[in-house]
Amino acid sequence: MSRPSIKNEEQYEALKDQGYSKEKAARIANSENSGEKGGKAKPYEERTKEELYDQAKEIGIEGRSKMDKQELIEALRNH
């Protein structure tokens, strides 16, 4: 049984080693920002609500459609 393609295999394996489930590790490793070095992505506060919503959707945060910008930021930081 083969698994779906992973965009960032190294990150996927590292996340699994840290105890993440296969599903969550795959979601993170396949996200748009996967593999970016720290400090290159804009801080959450500088992003639009739409950008935050899209990222929350990408990683599967539930209830995101009812969240305001600050709630999205908190949910992303605590995910």
C-alpha atoms as a PDB file:
ATOM      1  CA  MET A   1       0.000   0.000   0.000  1.00  0.00           C
ATOM      2  CA  SER A   2       1.634   3.239  -1.098  1.00  0.00           C
ATOM      3  CA  ARG A   3       1.054   6.633   0.435  1.00  0.00           C
ATOM      4  CA  PRO A   4       0.325   9.873  -1.424  1.00  0.00           C
ATOM      5  CA  SER A   5       3.214  12.019  -2.605  1.00  0.00           C
ATOM      6  CA  ILE A   6       4.857  14.231   0.023  1.00  0.00           C
ATOM      7  CA  LYS A   7       6.285  17.568  -1.181  1.00  0.00           C
ATOM      8  CA  ASN A   8       8.889  17.816   1.577  1.00  0.00           C
ATOM      9  CA  GLU A   9       9.915  14.276   2.527  1.00  0.00           C
ATOM     10  CA  GLU A  10      12.629  15.412   4.952  1.00  0.00           C
ATOM     11  CA  GLN A  11      10.201  17.596   6.917  1.00  0.00           C
ATOM     12  CA  TYR A  12       7.571  14.823   6.865  1.00  0.00           C
ATOM     13  CA  GLU A  13       9.983  12.315   8.410  1.00  0.00           C
ATOM     14  CA  ALA A  14      11.202  14.854  10.996  1.00  0.00           C
ATOM     15  CA  LEU A  15       7.618  15.612  12.052  1.00  0.00           C
ATOM     16  CA  LYS A  16       6.809  11.901  12.390  1.00  0.00           C
ATOM     17  CA  ASP A  17       9.955  11.495  14.526  1.00  0.00           C
ATOM     18  CA  GLN A  18       8.626  14.300  16.751  1.00  0.00           C
ATOM     19  CA  GLY A  19       5.423  12.336  17.327  1.00  0.00           C
ATOM     20  CA  TYR A  20       3.081  13.905  14.761  1.00  0.00           C
ATOM     21  CA  SER A  21       0.545  11.574  13.154  1.00  0.00           C
ATOM     22  CA  LYS A  22       1.177  10.591   9.539  1.00  0.00           C
ATOM     23  CA  GLU A  23      -1.825  12.665   8.456  1.00  0.00           C
ATOM     24  CA  LYS A  24      -0.757  15.823  10.292  1.00  0.00           C
ATOM     25  CA  ALA A  25       2.882  15.455   9.229  1.00  0.00           C
ATOM     26  CA  ALA A  26       1.761  15.094   5.599  1.00  0.00           C
ATOM     27  CA  ARG A  27      -0.497  18.181   5.810  1.00  0.00           C
ATOM     28  CA  ILE A  28       2.346  20.285   7.176  1.00  0.00           C
ATOM     29  CA  ALA A  29       4.978  18.901   4.784  1.00  0.00           C
ATOM     30  CA  ASN A  30       2.655  19.558   1.831  1.00  0.00           C
ATOM     31  CA  SER A  31       1.717  23.112   2.852  1.00  0.00           C
ATOM     32  CA  GLU A  32       2.847  26.083   0.731  1.00  0.00           C
ATOM     33  CA  ASN A  33       5.323  27.286   3.355  1.00  0.00           C
ATOM     34  CA  SER A  34       6.824  23.842   3.812  1.00  0.00           C
ATOM     35  CA  GLY A  35      10.579  23.933   4.091  1.00  0.00           C
ATOM     36  CA  GLU A  36      10.919  27.698   4.350  1.00  0.00           C
ATOM     37  CA  LYS A  37      13.597  28.741   6.764  1.00  0.00           C
ATOM     38  CA  GLY A  38      12.431  30.673   9.786  1.00  0.00           C
ATOM     39  CA  GLY A  39      12.180  34.423   9.481  1.00  0.00           C
ATOM     40  CA  LYS A  40      11.205  34.440   5.805  1.00  0.00           C
ATOM     41  CA  ALA A  41       7.449  34.216   6.272  1.00  0.00           C
ATOM     42  CA  LYS A  42       5.612  37.376   7.297  1.00  0.00           C
ATOM     43  CA  PRO A  43       4.514  37.505  10.934  1.00  0.00           C
ATOM     44  CA  TYR A  44       0.857  36.554  11.362  1.00  0.00           C
ATOM     45  CA  GLU A  45      -0.014  40.133  12.351  1.00  0.00           C
ATOM     46  CA  GLU A  46       1.190  41.404   8.947  1.00  0.00           C
ATOM     47  CA  ARG A  47      -0.941  38.936   6.993  1.00  0.00           C
ATOM     48  CA  THR A  48      -4.495  39.523   5.839  1.00  0.00           C
ATOM     49  CA  LYS A  49      -7.386  37.673   7.421  1.00  0.00           C
ATOM     50  CA  GLU A  50      -7.800  35.834   4.101  1.00  0.00           C
ATOM     51  CA  GLU A  51      -4.162  34.648   4.168  1.00  0.00           C
ATOM     52  CA  LEU A  52      -4.596  33.442   7.744  1.00  0.00           C
ATOM     53  CA  TYR A  53      -7.867  31.715   6.865  1.00  0.00           C
ATOM     54  CA  ASP A  54      -6.251  29.945   3.903  1.00  0.00           C
ATOM     55  CA  GLN A  55      -3.400  28.697   6.075  1.00  0.00           C
ATOM     56  CA  ALA A  56      -5.847  27.538   8.760  1.00  0.00           C
ATOM     57  CA  LYS A  57      -7.830  25.699   6.081  1.00  0.00           C
ATOM     58  CA  GLU A  58      -4.664  24.102   4.710  1.00  0.00           C
ATOM     59  CA  ILE A  59      -3.748  22.586   8.067  1.00  0.00           C
ATOM     60  CA  GLY A  60      -7.302  21.668   9.052  1.00  0.00           C
ATOM     61  CA  ILE A  61      -8.207  24.078  11.859  1.00  0.00           C
ATOM     62  CA  GLU A  62     -11.888  23.607  12.607  1.00  0.00           C
ATOM     63  CA  GLY A  63     -14.196  26.555  13.222  1.00  0.00           C
ATOM     64  CA  ARG A  64     -12.009  28.907  11.180  1.00  0.00           C
ATOM     65  CA  SER A  65     -14.928  30.399   9.232  1.00  0.00           C
ATOM     66  CA  LYS A  66     -16.304  31.959  12.419  1.00  0.00           C
ATOM     67  CA  MET A  67     -12.951  33.302  13.654  1.00  0.00           C
ATOM     68  CA  ASP A  68     -11.792  36.893  13.449  1.00  0.00           C
ATOM     69  CA  LYS A  69      -8.185  37.717  12.569  1.00  0.00           C
ATOM     70  CA  GLN A  70      -6.897  37.529  16.154  1.00  0.00           C
ATOM     71  CA  GLU A  71      -8.624  34.193  16.755  1.00  0.00           C
ATOM     72  CA  LEU A  72      -7.090  32.804  13.556  1.00  0.00           C
ATOM     73  CA  ILE A  73      -3.648  33.944  14.725  1.00  0.00           C
ATOM     74  CA  GLU A  74      -4.122  32.232  18.099  1.00  0.00           C
ATOM     75  CA  ALA A  75      -5.412  29.042  16.470  1.00  0.00           C
ATOM     76  CA  LEU A  76      -2.443  28.915  14.089  1.00  0.00           C
ATOM     77  CA  ARG A  77       0.049  29.505  16.881  1.00  0.00           C
ATOM     78  CA  ASN A  78      -1.510  26.800  19.050  1.00  0.00           C
ATOM     79  CA  HIS A  79      -1.891  24.206  16.307  1.00  0.00           C
END
